[in-house]
Amino acid sequence: MTQTELAELIDVRFQQVQKYENGQNRVAASRLWKIAEALRVPVNFFFEEVDAPDRAENVSALDKRRMRELVGLFSELTEPQQTAVMSFLRSVAGSPAE
């Protein structure tokens, strides 16, 4: 998604999106909510790295893009589909079932 496309979805100019992205301007909670909706990710997605700095340092930019895509696709699935995907991922990763 381009900055222009995101700006249109959250009702700001693309310059404002640039300022959010490079940290020149703070993002209000209501605007962050709109951004999360536009990107089809949960709001806490933006805070995951804050909670786990060790893990974040080991995640490449490509991995982050893939994770964002995965979250977006996952959120479009029904609950039974999500359960099946989680079961599959756990089996591939060798993680115990929850």
PDB file of N, CA and C in Angstrom:
ATOM      1  N   MET A   1       0.853  -1.170   0.000  1.00  0.00           N
ATOM      2  CA  MET A   1       0.000   0.000   0.000  1.00  0.00           C
ATOM      3  C   MET A   1       0.902   1.237   0.000  1.00  0.00           C
ATOM      4  N   THR A   2       0.563   2.208  -0.822  1.00  0.00           N
ATOM      5  CA  THR A   2       1.352   3.438  -0.872  1.00  0.00           C
ATOM      6  C   THR A   2       0.911   4.394   0.233  1.00  0.00           C
ATOM      7  N   GLN A   3       1.744   5.386   0.485  1.00  0.00           N
ATOM      8  CA  GLN A   3       1.384   6.407   1.468  1.00  0.00           C
ATOM      9  C   GLN A   3       0.129   7.150   1.024  1.00  0.00           C
ATOM     10  N   THR A   4       0.009   7.385  -0.265  1.00  0.00           N
ATOM     11  CA  THR A   4      -1.161   8.082  -0.802  1.00  0.00           C
ATOM     12  C   THR A   4      -2.426   7.264  -0.573  1.00  0.00           C
ATOM     13  N   GLU A   5      -2.354   5.956  -0.820  1.00  0.00           N
ATOM     14  CA  GLU A   5      -3.517   5.087  -0.608  1.00  0.00           C
ATOM     15  C   GLU A   5      -3.906   5.060   0.870  1.00  0.00           C
ATOM     16  N   LEU A   6      -2.913   4.939   1.742  1.00  0.00           N
ATOM     17  CA  LEU A   6      -3.198   4.946   3.175  1.00  0.00           C
ATOM     18  C   LEU A   6      -3.809   6.274   3.593  1.00  0.00           C
ATOM     19  N   ALA A   7      -3.243   7.365   3.098  1.00  0.00           N
ATOM     20  CA  ALA A   7      -3.755   8.696   3.438  1.00  0.00           C
ATOM     21  C   ALA A   7      -5.231   8.834   3.067  1.00  0.00           C
ATOM     22  N   GLU A   8      -5.594   8.331   1.905  1.00  0.00           N
ATOM     23  CA  GLU A   8      -7.000   8.410   1.474  1.00  0.00           C
ATOM     24  C   GLU A   8      -7.900   7.608   2.428  1.00  0.00           C
ATOM     25  N   LEU A   9      -7.421   6.448   2.850  1.00  0.00           N
ATOM     26  CA  LEU A   9      -8.226   5.594   3.730  1.00  0.00           C
ATOM     27  C   LEU A   9      -8.406   6.169   5.127  1.00  0.00           C
ATOM     28  N   ILE A  10      -7.434   6.982   5.578  1.00  0.00           N
ATOM     29  CA  ILE A  10      -7.529   7.529   6.935  1.00  0.00           C
ATOM     30  C   ILE A  10      -7.839   9.024   6.941  1.00  0.00           C
ATOM     31  N   ASP A  11      -8.180   9.559   5.776  1.00  0.00           N
ATOM     32  CA  ASP A  11      -8.646  10.947   5.640  1.00  0.00           C
ATOM     33  C   ASP A  11      -7.608  11.997   6.027  1.00  0.00           C
ATOM     34  N   VAL A  12      -6.375  11.795   5.564  1.00  0.00           N
ATOM     35  CA  VAL A  12      -5.332  12.816   5.715  1.00  0.00           C
ATOM     36  C   VAL A  12      -4.593  12.925   4.388  1.00  0.00           C
ATOM     37  N   ARG A  13      -3.718  13.913   4.272  1.00  0.00           N
ATOM     38  CA  ARG A  13      -2.877  14.035   3.082  1.00  0.00           C
ATOM     39  C   ARG A  13      -1.677  13.106   3.230  1.00  0.00           C
ATOM     40  N   PHE A  14      -1.089  12.718   2.090  1.00  0.00           N
ATOM     41  CA  PHE A  14       0.015  11.768   2.167  1.00  0.00           C
ATOM     42  C   PHE A  14       1.210  12.348   2.909  1.00  0.00           C
ATOM     43  N   GLN A  15       1.346  13.670   2.917  1.00  0.00           N
ATOM     44  CA  GLN A  15       2.445  14.292   3.665  1.00  0.00           C
ATOM     45  C   GLN A  15       2.313  13.992   5.163  1.00  0.00           C
ATOM     46  N   GLN A  16       1.062  13.943   5.641  1.00  0.00           N
ATOM     47  CA  GLN A  16       0.829  13.634   7.042  1.00  0.00           C
ATOM     48  C   GLN A  16       1.248  12.195   7.347  1.00  0.00           C
ATOM     49  N   VAL A  17       0.967  11.292   6.427  1.00  0.00           N
ATOM     50  CA  VAL A  17       1.390   9.899   6.599  1.00  0.00           C
ATOM     51  C   VAL A  17       2.911   9.831   6.670  1.00  0.00           C
ATOM     52  N   GLN A  18       3.590  10.604   5.833  1.00  0.00           N
ATOM     53  CA  GLN A  18       5.052  10.647   5.874  1.00  0.00           C
ATOM     54  C   GLN A  18       5.541  11.122   7.241  1.00  0.00           C
ATOM     55  N   LYS A  19       4.896  12.132   7.781  1.00  0.00           N
ATOM     56  CA  LYS A  19       5.290  12.655   9.092  1.00  0.00           C
ATOM     57  C   LYS A  19       5.046  11.627  10.186  1.00  0.00           C
ATOM     58  N   TYR A  20       3.949  10.871  10.088  1.00  0.00           N
ATOM     59  CA  TYR A  20       3.710   9.794  11.048  1.00  0.00           C
ATOM     60  C   TYR A  20       4.818   8.747  10.930  1.00  0.00           C
ATOM     61  N   GLU A  21       5.137   8.396   9.688  1.00  0.00           N
ATOM     62  CA  GLU A  21       6.094   7.317   9.447  1.00  0.00           C
ATOM     63  C   GLU A  21       7.492   7.654   9.958  1.00  0.00           C
ATOM     64  N   ASN A  22       7.925   8.893   9.780  1.00  0.00           N
ATOM     65  CA  ASN A  22       9.285   9.230  10.207  1.00  0.00           C
ATOM     66  C   ASN A  22       9.345   9.816  11.617  1.00  0.00           C
ATOM     67  N   GLY A  23       8.200   9.855  12.303  1.00  0.00           N
ATOM     68  CA  GLY A  23       8.181  10.267  13.695  1.00  0.00           C
ATOM     69  C   GLY A  23       8.140  11.766  13.931  1.00  0.00           C
ATOM     70  N   GLN A  24       7.902  12.563  12.886  1.00  0.00           N
ATOM     71  CA  GLN A  24       7.804  14.016  13.059  1.00  0.00           C
ATOM     72  C   GLN A  24       6.536  14.410  13.803  1.00  0.00           C
ATOM     73  N   ASN A  25       5.459  13.673  13.590  1.00  0.00           N
ATOM     74  CA  ASN A  25       4.182  13.966  14.242  1.00  0.00           C
ATOM     75  C   ASN A  25       3.714  12.751  15.028  1.00  0.00           C
ATOM     76  N   ARG A  26       3.082  13.012  16.155  1.00  0.00           N
ATOM     77  CA  ARG A  26       2.482  11.938  16.936  1.00  0.00           C
ATOM     78  C   ARG A  26       1.196  11.486  16.275  1.00  0.00           C
ATOM     79  N   VAL A  27       0.838  10.248  16.555  1.00  0.00           N
ATOM     80  CA  VAL A  27      -0.389   9.681  16.010  1.00  0.00           C
ATOM     81  C   VAL A  27      -1.393   9.565  17.150  1.00  0.00           C
ATOM     82  N   ALA A  28      -2.526  10.231  17.017  1.00  0.00           N
ATOM     83  CA  ALA A  28      -3.588  10.139  18.020  1.00  0.00           C
ATOM     84  C   ALA A  28      -4.152   8.718  18.030  1.00  0.00           C
ATOM     85  N   ALA A  29      -4.691   8.316  19.160  1.00  0.00           N
ATOM     86  CA  ALA A  29      -5.239   6.968  19.290  1.00  0.00           C
ATOM     87  C   ALA A  29      -6.327   6.703  18.246  1.00  0.00           C
ATOM     88  N   SER A  30      -7.175   7.678  18.019  1.00  0.00           N
ATOM     89  CA  SER A  30      -8.256   7.488  17.035  1.00  0.00           C
ATOM     90  C   SER A  30      -7.693   7.311  15.627  1.00  0.00           C
ATOM     91  N   ARG A  31      -6.622   8.026  15.316  1.00  0.00           N
ATOM     92  CA  ARG A  31      -5.991   7.908  13.997  1.00  0.00           C
ATOM     93  C   ARG A  31      -5.274   6.563  13.884  1.00  0.00           C
ATOM     94  N   LEU A  32      -4.634   6.124  14.974  1.00  0.00           N
ATOM     95  CA  LEU A  32      -3.964   4.832  14.967  1.00  0.00           C
ATOM     96  C   LEU A  32      -4.975   3.717  14.717  1.00  0.00           C
ATOM     97  N   TRP A  33      -6.145   3.868  15.304  1.00  0.00           N
ATOM     98  CA  TRP A  33      -7.217   2.890  15.084  1.00  0.00           C
ATOM     99  C   TRP A  33      -7.581   2.833  13.603  1.00  0.00           C
ATOM    100  N   LYS A  34      -7.712   4.013  12.967  1.00  0.00           N
ATOM    101  CA  LYS A  34      -8.038   4.062  11.534  1.00  0.00           C
ATOM    102  C   LYS A  34      -6.930   3.439  10.691  1.00  0.00           C
ATOM    103  N   ILE A  35      -5.690   3.702  11.076  1.00  0.00           N
ATOM    104  CA  ILE A  35      -4.560   3.133  10.339  1.00  0.00           C
ATOM    105  C   ILE A  35      -4.584   1.610  10.443  1.00  0.00           C
ATOM    106  N   ALA A  36      -4.826   1.101  11.636  1.00  0.00           N
ATOM    107  CA  ALA A  36      -4.901  -0.350  11.829  1.00  0.00           C
ATOM    108  C   ALA A  36      -6.014  -0.949  10.978  1.00  0.00           C
ATOM    109  N   GLU A  37      -7.159  -0.289  10.942  1.00  0.00           N
ATOM    110  CA  GLU A  37      -8.264  -0.775  10.117  1.00  0.00           C
ATOM    111  C   GLU A  37      -7.882  -0.765   8.646  1.00  0.00           C
ATOM    112  N   ALA A  38      -7.236   0.312   8.198  1.00  0.00           N
ATOM    113  CA  ALA A  38      -6.849   0.432   6.793  1.00  0.00           C
ATOM    114  C   ALA A  38      -5.847  -0.651   6.401  1.00  0.00           C
ATOM    115  N   LEU A  39      -4.940  -0.974   7.312  1.00  0.00           N
ATOM    116  CA  LEU A  39      -3.920  -1.990   7.047  1.00  0.00           C
ATOM    117  C   LEU A  39      -4.387  -3.398   7.393  1.00  0.00           C
ATOM    118  N   ARG A  40      -5.594  -3.477   7.979  1.00  0.00           N
ATOM    119  CA  ARG A  40      -6.194  -4.748   8.366  1.00  0.00           C
ATOM    120  C   ARG A  40      -5.299  -5.518   9.330  1.00  0.00           C
ATOM    121  N   VAL A  41      -4.861  -4.809  10.359  1.00  0.00           N
ATOM    122  CA  VAL A  41      -4.081  -5.420  11.445  1.00  0.00           C
ATOM    123  C   VAL A  41      -4.691  -4.965  12.763  1.00  0.00           C
ATOM    124  N   PRO A  42      -4.489  -5.726  13.839  1.00  0.00           N
ATOM    125  CA  PRO A  42      -4.967  -5.260  15.146  1.00  0.00           C
ATOM    126  C   PRO A  42      -4.116  -4.093  15.620  1.00  0.00           C
ATOM    127  N   VAL A  43      -4.671  -3.221  16.428  1.00  0.00           N
ATOM    128  CA  VAL A  43      -3.952  -2.042  16.909  1.00  0.00           C
ATOM    129  C   VAL A  43      -2.684  -2.443  17.656  1.00  0.00           C
ATOM    130  N   ASN A  44      -2.734  -3.524  18.410  1.00  0.00           N
ATOM    131  CA  ASN A  44      -1.548  -3.928  19.165  1.00  0.00           C
ATOM    132  C   ASN A  44      -0.382  -4.331  18.270  1.00  0.00           C
ATOM    133  N   PHE A  45      -0.631  -4.523  16.987  1.00  0.00           N
ATOM    134  CA  PHE A  45       0.439  -4.820  16.035  1.00  0.00           C
ATOM    135  C   PHE A  45       1.535  -3.764  16.102  1.00  0.00           C
ATOM    136  N   PHE A  46       1.142  -2.514  16.318  1.00  0.00           N
ATOM    137  CA  PHE A  46       2.096  -1.418  16.328  1.00  0.00           C
ATOM    138  C   PHE A  46       2.939  -1.380  17.603  1.00  0.00           C
ATOM    139  N   PHE A  47       2.574  -2.166  18.591  1.00  0.00           N
ATOM    140  CA  PHE A  47       3.271  -2.153  19.867  1.00  0.00           C
ATOM    141  C   PHE A  47       4.030  -3.441  20.156  1.00  0.00           C
ATOM    142  N   GLU A  48       3.962  -4.415  19.272  1.00  0.00           N
ATOM    143  CA  GLU A  48       4.593  -5.703  19.521  1.00  0.00           C
ATOM    144  C   GLU A  48       6.097  -5.571  19.716  1.00  0.00           C
ATOM    145  N   GLU A  49       6.755  -4.732  18.939  1.00  0.00           N
ATOM    146  CA  GLU A  49       8.201  -4.572  19.063  1.00  0.00           C
ATOM    147  C   GLU A  49       8.576  -3.910  20.378  1.00  0.00           C
ATOM    148  N   VAL A  50       7.726  -3.064  20.887  1.00  0.00           N
ATOM    149  CA  VAL A  50       7.998  -2.402  22.159  1.00  0.00           C
ATOM    150  C   VAL A  50       8.020  -3.423  23.283  1.00  0.00           C
ATOM    151  N   ASP A  51       7.121  -4.398  23.211  1.00  0.00           N
ATOM    152  CA  ASP A  51       7.025  -5.420  24.247  1.00  0.00           C
ATOM    153  C   ASP A  51       8.147  -6.452  24.166  1.00  0.00           C
ATOM    154  N   ALA A  52       8.707  -6.638  22.978  1.00  0.00           N
ATOM    155  CA  ALA A  52       9.709  -7.687  22.796  1.00  0.00           C
ATOM    156  C   ALA A  52      10.887  -7.184  21.971  1.00  0.00           C
ATOM    157  N   PRO A  53      11.728  -6.292  22.524  1.00  0.00           N
ATOM    158  CA  PRO A  53      12.832  -5.732  21.750  1.00  0.00           C
ATOM    159  C   PRO A  53      13.831  -6.776  21.282  1.00  0.00           C
ATOM    160  N   ASP A  54      14.075  -7.817  22.074  1.00  0.00           N
ATOM    161  CA  ASP A  54      15.030  -8.842  21.667  1.00  0.00           C
ATOM    162  C   ASP A  54      14.565  -9.530  20.387  1.00  0.00           C
ATOM    163  N   ARG A  55      13.301  -9.906  20.364  1.00  0.00           N
ATOM    164  CA  ARG A  55      12.754 -10.585  19.194  1.00  0.00           C
ATOM    165  C   ARG A  55      12.729  -9.649  17.992  1.00  0.00           C
ATOM    166  N   ALA A  56      12.371  -8.396  18.194  1.00  0.00           N
ATOM    167  CA  ALA A  56      12.250  -7.436  17.097  1.00  0.00           C
ATOM    168  C   ALA A  56      13.580  -7.227  16.396  1.00  0.00           C
ATOM    169  N   GLU A  57      14.681  -7.254  17.140  1.00  0.00           N
ATOM    170  CA  GLU A  57      15.992  -7.046  16.531  1.00  0.00           C
ATOM    171  C   GLU A  57      16.366  -8.189  15.604  1.00  0.00           C
ATOM    172  N   ASN A  58      15.807  -9.352  15.826  1.00  0.00           N
ATOM    173  CA  ASN A  58      16.144 -10.522  15.023  1.00  0.00           C
ATOM    174  C   ASN A  58      15.195 -10.750  13.854  1.00  0.00           C
ATOM    175  N   VAL A  59      14.232  -9.871  13.650  1.00  0.00           N
ATOM    176  CA  VAL A  59      13.253 -10.025  12.588  1.00  0.00           C
ATOM    177  C   VAL A  59      13.633  -9.116  11.428  1.00  0.00           C
ATOM    178  N   SER A  60      13.821  -9.718  10.262  1.00  0.00           N
ATOM    179  CA  SER A  60      14.203  -8.936   9.092  1.00  0.00           C
ATOM    180  C   SER A  60      13.014  -8.148   8.549  1.00  0.00           C
ATOM    181  N   ALA A  61      13.294  -7.181   7.693  1.00  0.00           N
ATOM    182  CA  ALA A  61      12.231  -6.387   7.067  1.00  0.00           C
ATOM    183  C   ALA A  61      11.315  -7.289   6.249  1.00  0.00           C
ATOM    184  N   LEU A  62      11.876  -8.272   5.572  1.00  0.00           N
ATOM    185  CA  LEU A  62      11.066  -9.210   4.785  1.00  0.00           C
ATOM    186  C   LEU A  62      10.148 -10.009   5.700  1.00  0.00           C
ATOM    187  N   ASP A  63      10.684 -10.474   6.838  1.00  0.00           N
ATOM    188  CA  ASP A  63       9.858 -11.206   7.794  1.00  0.00           C
ATOM    189  C   ASP A  63       8.724 -10.332   8.310  1.00  0.00           C
ATOM    190  N   LYS A  64       9.009  -9.065   8.587  1.00  0.00           N
ATOM    191  CA  LYS A  64       7.967  -8.154   9.075  1.00  0.00           C
ATOM    192  C   LYS A  64       6.876  -7.980   8.030  1.00  0.00           C
ATOM    193  N   ARG A  65       7.257  -7.841   6.772  1.00  0.00           N
ATOM    194  CA  ARG A  65       6.243  -7.711   5.700  1.00  0.00           C
ATOM    195  C   ARG A  65       5.397  -8.970   5.629  1.00  0.00           C
ATOM    196  N   ARG A  66       6.056 -10.116   5.704  1.00  0.00           N
ATOM    197  CA  ARG A  66       5.316 -11.381   5.647  1.00  0.00           C
ATOM    198  C   ARG A  66       4.371 -11.521   6.833  1.00  0.00           C
ATOM    199  N   MET A  67       4.813 -11.104   8.013  1.00  0.00           N
ATOM    200  CA  MET A  67       3.957 -11.177   9.197  1.00  0.00           C
ATOM    201  C   MET A  67       2.746 -10.265   9.052  1.00  0.00           C
ATOM    202  N   ARG A  68       2.957  -9.051   8.534  1.00  0.00           N
ATOM    203  CA  ARG A  68       1.821  -8.137   8.324  1.00  0.00           C
ATOM    204  C   ARG A  68       0.827  -8.748   7.345  1.00  0.00           C
ATOM    205  N   GLU A  69       1.342  -9.341   6.264  1.00  0.00           N
ATOM    206  CA  GLU A  69       0.458  -9.974   5.290  1.00  0.00           C
ATOM    207  C   GLU A  69      -0.291 -11.141   5.928  1.00  0.00           C
ATOM    208  N   LEU A  70       0.418 -11.935   6.701  1.00  0.00           N
ATOM    209  CA  LEU A  70      -0.196 -13.078   7.366  1.00  0.00           C
ATOM    210  C   LEU A  70      -1.313 -12.650   8.306  1.00  0.00           C
ATOM    211  N   VAL A  71      -1.070 -11.609   9.085  1.00  0.00           N
ATOM    212  CA  VAL A  71      -2.087 -11.103  10.009  1.00  0.00           C
ATOM    213  C   VAL A  71      -3.307 -10.626   9.226  1.00  0.00           C
ATOM    214  N   GLY A  72      -3.080  -9.905   8.134  1.00  0.00           N
ATOM    215  CA  GLY A  72      -4.194  -9.422   7.326  1.00  0.00           C
ATOM    216  C   GLY A  72      -5.022 -10.557   6.748  1.00  0.00           C
ATOM    217  N   LEU A  73      -4.347 -11.559   6.203  1.00  0.00           N
ATOM    218  CA  LEU A  73      -5.064 -12.700   5.638  1.00  0.00           C
ATOM    219  C   LEU A  73      -5.778 -13.497   6.717  1.00  0.00           C
ATOM    220  N   PHE A  74      -5.098 -13.707   7.839  1.00  0.00           N
ATOM    221  CA  PHE A  74      -5.671 -14.478   8.943  1.00  0.00           C
ATOM    222  C   PHE A  74      -6.958 -13.838   9.444  1.00  0.00           C
ATOM    223  N   SER A  75      -6.977 -12.522   9.520  1.00  0.00           N
ATOM    224  CA  SER A  75      -8.151 -11.825  10.050  1.00  0.00           C
ATOM    225  C   SER A  75      -9.363 -11.954   9.129  1.00  0.00           C
ATOM    226  N   GLU A  76      -9.142 -12.339   7.880  1.00  0.00           N
ATOM    227  CA  GLU A  76     -10.255 -12.519   6.942  1.00  0.00           C
ATOM    228  C   GLU A  76     -10.888 -13.907   7.038  1.00  0.00           C
ATOM    229  N   LEU A  77     -10.241 -14.807   7.759  1.00  0.00           N
ATOM    230  CA  LEU A  77     -10.740 -16.173   7.872  1.00  0.00           C
ATOM    231  C   LEU A  77     -11.842 -16.282   8.922  1.00  0.00           C
ATOM    232  N   THR A  78     -12.663 -17.303   8.763  1.00  0.00           N
ATOM    233  CA  THR A  78     -13.667 -17.603   9.780  1.00  0.00           C
ATOM    234  C   THR A  78     -12.956 -18.217  10.984  1.00  0.00           C
ATOM    235  N   GLU A  79     -13.654 -18.296  12.110  1.00  0.00           N
ATOM    236  CA  GLU A  79     -13.032 -18.874  13.309  1.00  0.00           C
ATOM    237  C   GLU A  79     -12.586 -20.322  13.093  1.00  0.00           C
ATOM    238  N   PRO A  80     -13.423 -21.167  12.459  1.00  0.00           N
ATOM    239  CA  PRO A  80     -12.954 -22.544  12.214  1.00  0.00           C
ATOM    240  C   PRO A  80     -11.722 -22.586  11.304  1.00  0.00           C
ATOM    241  N   GLN A  81     -11.677 -21.700  10.321  1.00  0.00           N
ATOM    242  CA  GLN A  81     -10.510 -21.647   9.441  1.00  0.00           C
ATOM    243  C   GLN A  81      -9.271 -21.194  10.216  1.00  0.00           C
ATOM    244  N   GLN A  82      -9.445 -20.202  11.092  1.00  0.00           N
ATOM    245  CA  GLN A  82      -8.324 -19.738  11.903  1.00  0.00           C
ATOM    246  C   GLN A  82      -7.801 -20.858  12.792  1.00  0.00           C
ATOM    247  N   THR A  83      -8.711 -21.637  13.381  1.00  0.00           N
ATOM    248  CA  THR A  83      -8.317 -22.758  14.224  1.00  0.00           C
ATOM    249  C   THR A  83      -7.518 -23.780  13.424  1.00  0.00           C
ATOM    250  N   ALA A  84      -7.975 -24.067  12.212  1.00  0.00           N
ATOM    251  CA  ALA A  84      -7.273 -25.032  11.356  1.00  0.00           C
ATOM    252  C   ALA A  84      -5.888 -24.521  10.968  1.00  0.00           C
ATOM    253  N   VAL A  85      -5.795 -23.245  10.638  1.00  0.00           N
ATOM    254  CA  VAL A  85      -4.496 -22.657  10.265  1.00  0.00           C
ATOM    255  C   VAL A  85      -3.549 -22.695  11.452  1.00  0.00           C
ATOM    256  N   MET A  86      -4.036 -22.349  12.642  1.00  0.00           N
ATOM    257  CA  MET A  86      -3.186 -22.373  13.831  1.00  0.00           C
ATOM    258  C   MET A  86      -2.700 -23.794  14.112  1.00  0.00           C
ATOM    259  N   SER A  87      -3.564 -24.771  13.965  1.00  0.00           N
ATOM    260  CA  SER A  87      -3.185 -26.161  14.170  1.00  0.00           C
ATOM    261  C   SER A  87      -2.095 -26.567  13.174  1.00  0.00           C
ATOM    262  N   PHE A  88      -2.277 -26.183  11.940  1.00  0.00           N
ATOM    263  CA  PHE A  88      -1.283 -26.483  10.904  1.00  0.00           C
ATOM    264  C   PHE A  88       0.056 -25.829  11.228  1.00  0.00           C
ATOM    265  N   LEU A  89       0.028 -24.544  11.565  1.00  0.00           N
ATOM    266  CA  LEU A  89       1.272 -23.830  11.868  1.00  0.00           C
ATOM    267  C   LEU A  89       1.985 -24.437  13.075  1.00  0.00           C
ATOM    268  N   ARG A  90       1.219 -24.807  14.093  1.00  0.00           N
ATOM    269  CA  ARG A  90       1.832 -25.436  15.271  1.00  0.00           C
ATOM    270  C   ARG A  90       2.498 -26.761  14.894  1.00  0.00           C
ATOM    271  N   SER A  91       1.833 -27.535  14.035  1.00  0.00           N
ATOM    272  CA  SER A  91       2.408 -28.825  13.659  1.00  0.00           C
ATOM    273  C   SER A  91       3.672 -28.632  12.824  1.00  0.00           C
ATOM    274  N   VAL A  92       3.684 -27.672  11.934  1.00  0.00           N
ATOM    275  CA  VAL A  92       4.871 -27.402  11.115  1.00  0.00           C
ATOM    276  C   VAL A  92       6.010 -26.879  11.959  1.00  0.00           C
ATOM    277  N   ALA A  93       5.695 -26.015  12.918  1.00  0.00           N
ATOM    278  CA  ALA A  93       6.719 -25.406  13.779  1.00  0.00           C
ATOM    279  C   ALA A  93       7.157 -26.340  14.900  1.00  0.00           C
ATOM    280  N   GLY A  94       6.419 -27.432  15.104  1.00  0.00           N
ATOM    281  CA  GLY A  94       6.759 -28.356  16.183  1.00  0.00           C
ATOM    282  C   GLY A  94       6.376 -27.843  17.553  1.00  0.00           C
ATOM    283  N   SER A  95       5.384 -26.911  17.596  1.00  0.00           N
ATOM    284  CA  SER A  95       4.913 -26.370  18.865  1.00  0.00           C
ATOM    285  C   SER A  95       3.788 -27.224  19.423  1.00  0.00           C
ATOM    286  N   PRO A  96       3.676 -27.294  20.741  1.00  0.00           N
ATOM    287  CA  PRO A  96       2.570 -28.058  21.339  1.00  0.00           C
ATOM    288  C   PRO A  96       1.228 -27.382  21.072  1.00  0.00           C
ATOM    289  N   ALA A  97       0.183 -28.168  21.006  1.00  0.00           N
ATOM    290  CA  ALA A  97      -1.167 -27.622  20.798  1.00  0.00           C
ATOM    291  C   ALA A  97      -1.614 -26.877  22.042  1.00  0.00           C
ATOM    292  N   GLU A  98      -2.457 -25.854  21.821  1.00  0.00           N
ATOM    293  CA  GLU A  98      -3.007 -25.098  22.950  1.00  0.00           C
ATOM    294  C   GLU A  98      -4.404 -25.549  23.250  1.00  0.00           C
TER     295      GLU A  98
END
